[in-house]
Amino acid sequence: MQGGIITPRPSLSLERIVEAAAAVADTGGLSAVSMRSVARQLSVEAMSLYHHVPNKEALLDALADWVFTLIDLPESGQPWRAATERRASSTRHVLTAHPWAPGLMNSRPVPGPALMRHHDRALGAFLDDGFAVPLASSAVSMIDAYVYGVAVTEQSLPFSAEDETDDYAATLDVPMAEYPHLARMMLEFFDGKDRDSTYEFADEFTIGLTLILDAIEQRHARDARDARETPRDSAPTEA
């Protein structure tokens, strides 16, 4: 009520229910999502949700699809590399904002329209730029596996993104004689006197993505060169 006027409660909809489910998951994890907890989030009775979603499994399907709607998709005519960098960075941002999402997004047995559109556009970024279907499919799978892996790794690190990585590294004891290669990396990353900036684990995402995209680009160029150099079958001669 504002100034003696009763403000009507927004009408319930599937969109509001899914957004409430995301808020519950953000706070308590995916295991906290239930019809009852989502209803509490919306300040309604649980039975009222069933007019819009039949059960918890259908709610999780809708929640998984909702995550895909948050990711920036490649635009028509955009070069494959720029489109893929944008999609990968957006995916990582979404997964970081919703730590429960990686375990849900590709686990649902019934793919939703946003998921289907996402994968269609991700493939299209390569196919529309001249890639063969096998390489395009492998590229999308490899990039997604990398992005999801980085997101899960970041969530499991023993320090937060706001912490000073150098301070954490200083607490580690890495004997040179026992772990020579690891000690060398620690020395160059964290103790180097000529460094211009501190080491950030987040920077590894861009570095790793660049390595993957470079390899895809080289493979695509090789395939295109092989296709040009392969002699075409000569037309059959008439008897």
Protein backbone atom coordinates (compact mmCIF):
# COMPACT_ATOMS: atom_id res chain seq x y z
CA MET A 1 0.00 0.00 0.00
CA GLN A 2 1.36 3.40 -1.00
CA GLY A 3 -0.35 6.58 0.25
CA GLY A 4 -3.46 4.63 1.22
CA ILE A 5 -3.68 3.01 -2.21
CA ILE A 6 -3.37 -0.75 -2.44
CA THR A 7 -0.83 -1.69 -5.09
CA PRO A 8 -2.01 -4.78 -6.96
CA ARG A 9 0.36 -7.74 -6.95
CA PRO A 10 1.78 -8.52 -10.41
CA SER A 11 -0.07 -11.40 -12.02
CA LEU A 12 1.64 -14.77 -11.88
CA SER A 13 3.25 -16.00 -15.08
CA LEU A 14 5.70 -18.67 -16.16
CA GLU A 15 8.34 -15.97 -16.66
CA ARG A 16 7.95 -14.70 -13.09
CA ILE A 17 8.01 -18.25 -11.73
CA VAL A 18 11.24 -19.10 -13.56
CA GLU A 19 12.90 -15.87 -12.44
CA ALA A 20 11.89 -16.68 -8.85
CA ALA A 21 13.36 -20.18 -9.25
CA ALA A 22 16.62 -18.60 -10.42
CA ALA A 23 16.65 -16.34 -7.35
CA VAL A 24 16.14 -19.35 -5.09
CA ALA A 25 18.97 -21.22 -6.83
CA ASP A 26 21.27 -18.20 -6.61
CA THR A 27 20.75 -18.14 -2.85
CA GLY A 28 20.61 -21.80 -1.90
CA GLY A 29 21.80 -23.77 -4.91
CA LEU A 30 19.84 -25.93 -7.31
CA SER A 31 18.84 -28.36 -4.56
CA ALA A 32 16.90 -25.56 -2.86
CA VAL A 33 14.54 -25.19 -5.84
CA SER A 34 11.12 -26.69 -5.22
CA MET A 35 7.58 -25.68 -5.99
CA ARG A 36 7.17 -24.69 -2.34
CA SER A 37 10.37 -22.60 -2.13
CA VAL A 38 9.60 -20.82 -5.39
CA ALA A 39 6.09 -20.08 -4.18
CA ARG A 40 7.55 -18.57 -0.99
CA GLN A 41 9.85 -16.43 -3.12
CA LEU A 42 6.77 -15.10 -4.92
CA SER A 43 4.68 -14.82 -1.72
CA VAL A 44 1.97 -17.08 -3.15
CA GLU A 45 0.58 -20.51 -2.40
CA ALA A 46 2.40 -23.42 -4.03
CA MET A 47 -0.81 -24.64 -5.68
CA SER A 48 -1.02 -21.43 -7.72
CA LEU A 49 2.20 -22.36 -9.55
CA TYR A 50 0.59 -25.47 -11.04
CA HIS A 51 -1.59 -23.33 -13.28
CA HIS A 52 1.60 -22.35 -15.15
CA VAL A 53 4.03 -25.27 -14.70
CA PRO A 54 2.90 -28.88 -14.08
CA ASN A 55 5.69 -30.06 -11.77
CA LYS A 56 9.23 -29.49 -10.55
CA GLU A 57 10.81 -31.29 -13.52
CA ALA A 58 9.04 -28.97 -15.94
CA LEU A 59 10.19 -26.03 -13.81
CA LEU A 60 13.81 -27.19 -14.07
CA ASP A 61 13.41 -27.57 -17.84
CA ALA A 62 12.18 -23.98 -18.03
CA LEU A 63 14.97 -22.80 -15.72
CA ALA A 64 17.64 -24.43 -17.88
CA ASP A 65 16.17 -22.80 -20.97
CA TRP A 66 16.03 -19.44 -19.16
CA VAL A 67 19.81 -19.51 -18.66
CA PHE A 68 20.36 -19.76 -22.41
CA THR A 69 18.25 -16.64 -22.97
CA LEU A 70 20.86 -14.63 -21.02
CA ILE A 71 23.77 -15.46 -23.35
CA ASP A 72 24.69 -13.16 -26.24
CA LEU A 73 24.29 -15.03 -29.52
CA PRO A 74 26.28 -14.57 -32.73
CA GLU A 75 24.81 -12.01 -35.07
CA SER A 76 24.08 -12.77 -38.71
CA GLY A 77 27.05 -11.94 -40.93
CA GLN A 78 29.47 -11.54 -38.02
CA PRO A 79 32.88 -13.18 -38.59
CA TRP A 80 33.07 -16.53 -36.81
CA ARG A 81 35.95 -15.60 -34.52
CA ALA A 82 34.44 -12.36 -33.22
CA ALA A 83 31.06 -14.06 -32.82
CA THR A 84 32.58 -16.96 -30.90
CA GLU A 85 34.63 -14.73 -28.60
CA ARG A 86 31.50 -12.77 -27.76
CA ARG A 87 29.44 -15.88 -27.09
CA ALA A 88 32.17 -17.49 -24.99
CA SER A 89 32.69 -14.38 -22.85
CA SER A 90 28.95 -13.95 -22.37
CA THR A 91 28.55 -17.61 -21.41
CA ARG A 92 31.29 -17.35 -18.82
CA HIS A 93 29.71 -14.21 -17.37
CA VAL A 94 26.32 -15.94 -17.06
CA LEU A 95 27.80 -19.09 -15.50
CA THR A 96 29.75 -17.00 -13.01
CA ALA A 97 26.61 -15.07 -12.04
CA HIS A 98 24.65 -18.32 -11.61
CA PRO A 99 27.03 -21.01 -10.25
CA TRP A 100 24.29 -23.66 -10.32
CA ALA A 101 23.77 -23.29 -14.07
CA PRO A 102 26.59 -25.49 -15.52
CA GLY A 103 25.17 -28.62 -13.95
CA LEU A 104 21.69 -27.91 -15.26
CA MET A 105 21.96 -26.37 -18.72
CA ASN A 106 22.74 -29.46 -20.79
CA SER A 107 21.37 -32.10 -18.43
CA ARG A 108 17.66 -31.77 -19.18
CA PRO A 109 16.15 -34.53 -21.33
CA VAL A 110 13.86 -32.14 -23.18
CA PRO A 111 15.77 -29.24 -24.81
CA GLY A 112 13.87 -25.96 -24.83
CA PRO A 113 13.60 -23.43 -27.64
CA ALA A 114 16.28 -21.10 -26.21
CA LEU A 115 18.76 -23.98 -25.97
CA MET A 116 17.98 -25.06 -29.54
CA ARG A 117 18.30 -21.48 -30.82
CA HIS A 118 21.59 -21.07 -28.95
CA HIS A 119 23.20 -24.13 -30.50
CA ASP A 120 21.77 -23.34 -33.93
CA ARG A 121 23.29 -19.85 -33.88
CA ALA A 122 26.58 -21.10 -32.42
CA LEU A 123 26.92 -23.58 -35.28
CA GLY A 124 25.75 -20.98 -37.78
CA ALA A 125 28.63 -18.67 -36.88
CA PHE A 126 30.99 -21.29 -38.31
CA LEU A 127 28.87 -22.73 -41.11
CA ASP A 128 27.99 -19.30 -42.50
CA ASP A 129 31.70 -18.50 -42.61
CA GLY A 130 32.58 -21.50 -44.78
CA PHE A 131 33.36 -24.19 -42.21
CA ALA A 132 32.55 -27.81 -42.94
CA VAL A 133 29.93 -29.34 -40.65
CA PRO A 134 32.32 -31.75 -38.82
CA LEU A 135 34.79 -29.00 -37.91
CA ALA A 136 32.01 -26.58 -36.96
CA SER A 137 30.43 -29.17 -34.67
CA SER A 138 33.76 -30.05 -33.04
CA ALA A 139 34.64 -26.38 -32.59
CA VAL A 140 31.38 -25.56 -30.78
CA SER A 141 31.71 -28.62 -28.53
CA MET A 142 35.34 -27.87 -27.67
CA ILE A 143 34.70 -24.20 -26.92
CA ASP A 144 31.68 -24.97 -24.74
CA ALA A 145 33.62 -27.63 -22.82
CA TYR A 146 36.41 -25.11 -22.21
CA VAL A 147 34.09 -22.30 -21.08
CA TYR A 148 32.09 -24.56 -18.78
CA GLY A 149 35.31 -26.01 -17.36
CA VAL A 150 36.76 -22.59 -16.61
CA ALA A 151 33.54 -21.49 -14.93
CA VAL A 152 33.45 -24.58 -12.71
CA THR A 153 37.15 -24.22 -11.88
CA GLU A 154 36.71 -20.59 -10.87
CA GLN A 155 33.88 -21.56 -8.53
CA SER A 156 36.13 -24.15 -6.86
CA LEU A 157 39.23 -22.01 -6.32
CA PRO A 158 40.35 -21.57 -2.69
CA PHE A 159 40.27 -17.78 -3.14
CA SER A 160 37.70 -15.40 -4.57
CA ALA A 161 38.07 -13.16 -7.61
CA GLU A 162 38.41 -10.20 -5.26
CA ASP A 163 41.34 -11.70 -3.36
CA GLU A 164 44.92 -10.95 -4.27
CA THR A 165 46.22 -14.04 -6.06
CA ASP A 166 49.78 -13.06 -5.17
CA ASP A 167 48.91 -13.08 -1.47
CA TYR A 168 47.48 -16.56 -1.75
CA ALA A 169 50.49 -17.81 -3.72
CA ALA A 170 52.81 -16.46 -1.04
CA THR A 171 51.32 -18.93 1.46
CA LEU A 172 52.19 -21.96 -0.70
CA ASP A 173 55.36 -23.95 -0.15
CA VAL A 174 56.62 -25.32 -3.47
CA PRO A 175 60.13 -26.82 -3.05
CA MET A 176 62.18 -26.38 -6.23
CA ALA A 177 63.93 -29.75 -5.86
CA GLU A 178 60.66 -31.63 -5.52
CA TYR A 179 58.47 -29.74 -8.01
CA PRO A 180 60.88 -27.95 -10.37
CA HIS A 181 58.42 -27.01 -13.10
CA LEU A 182 55.69 -25.86 -10.74
CA ALA A 183 58.21 -23.88 -8.71
CA ARG A 184 59.52 -22.21 -11.86
CA MET A 185 56.00 -21.16 -12.84
CA MET A 186 55.33 -19.79 -9.34
CA LEU A 187 58.59 -17.87 -9.43
CA GLU A 188 57.90 -16.26 -12.79
CA PHE A 189 54.22 -15.54 -12.19
CA PHE A 190 54.33 -14.33 -8.61
CA ASP A 191 57.92 -13.39 -7.71
CA GLY A 192 59.22 -11.93 -10.95
CA LYS A 193 60.84 -8.55 -10.43
CA ASP A 194 60.07 -7.33 -13.94
CA ARG A 195 56.34 -7.91 -13.87
CA ASP A 196 54.18 -4.91 -14.74
CA SER A 197 51.03 -6.28 -13.09
CA THR A 198 49.82 -8.95 -10.70
CA TYR A 199 48.83 -12.40 -11.90
CA GLU A 200 45.09 -12.89 -12.32
CA PHE A 201 43.57 -16.32 -12.84
CA ALA A 202 40.75 -14.68 -14.79
CA ASP A 203 43.28 -13.69 -17.46
CA GLU A 204 43.78 -17.38 -18.21
CA PHE A 205 40.34 -17.50 -19.78
CA THR A 206 41.24 -15.11 -22.59
CA ILE A 207 44.64 -16.73 -23.10
CA GLY A 208 43.17 -20.23 -23.31
CA LEU A 209 40.33 -19.14 -25.59
CA THR A 210 42.84 -17.51 -27.94
CA LEU A 211 44.86 -20.72 -28.12
CA ILE A 212 41.73 -22.71 -29.00
CA LEU A 213 40.54 -20.23 -31.61
CA ASP A 214 44.02 -20.10 -33.16
CA ALA A 215 43.98 -23.89 -33.52
CA ILE A 216 40.50 -23.85 -35.06
CA GLU A 217 41.54 -21.12 -37.47
CA GLN A 218 44.62 -23.08 -38.53
CA ARG A 219 42.60 -26.26 -39.03
CA HIS A 220 39.99 -24.42 -41.10
CA ALA A 221 42.71 -22.89 -43.28
CA ARG A 222 44.31 -26.31 -43.76
CA ASP A 223 40.99 -27.89 -44.72
CA ALA A 224 40.32 -25.09 -47.21
CA ARG A 225 43.80 -25.50 -48.71
CA ASP A 226 43.39 -29.27 -48.99
CA ALA A 227 40.03 -28.80 -50.71
CA ARG A 228 41.60 -26.46 -53.27
CA GLU A 229 44.52 -28.79 -53.93
CA THR A 230 42.50 -31.98 -54.23
CA PRO A 231 41.92 -32.66 -57.93
CA ARG A 232 38.30 -32.95 -58.90
CA ASP A 233 37.08 -36.17 -60.48
CA SER A 234 37.27 -35.80 -64.23
CA ALA A 235 34.00 -36.01 -66.14
CA PRO A 236 33.31 -39.48 -67.51
CA THR A 237 34.09 -39.84 -71.20
CA GLU A 238 31.52 -41.13 -73.57
CA ALA A 239 32.23 -44.48 -75.19
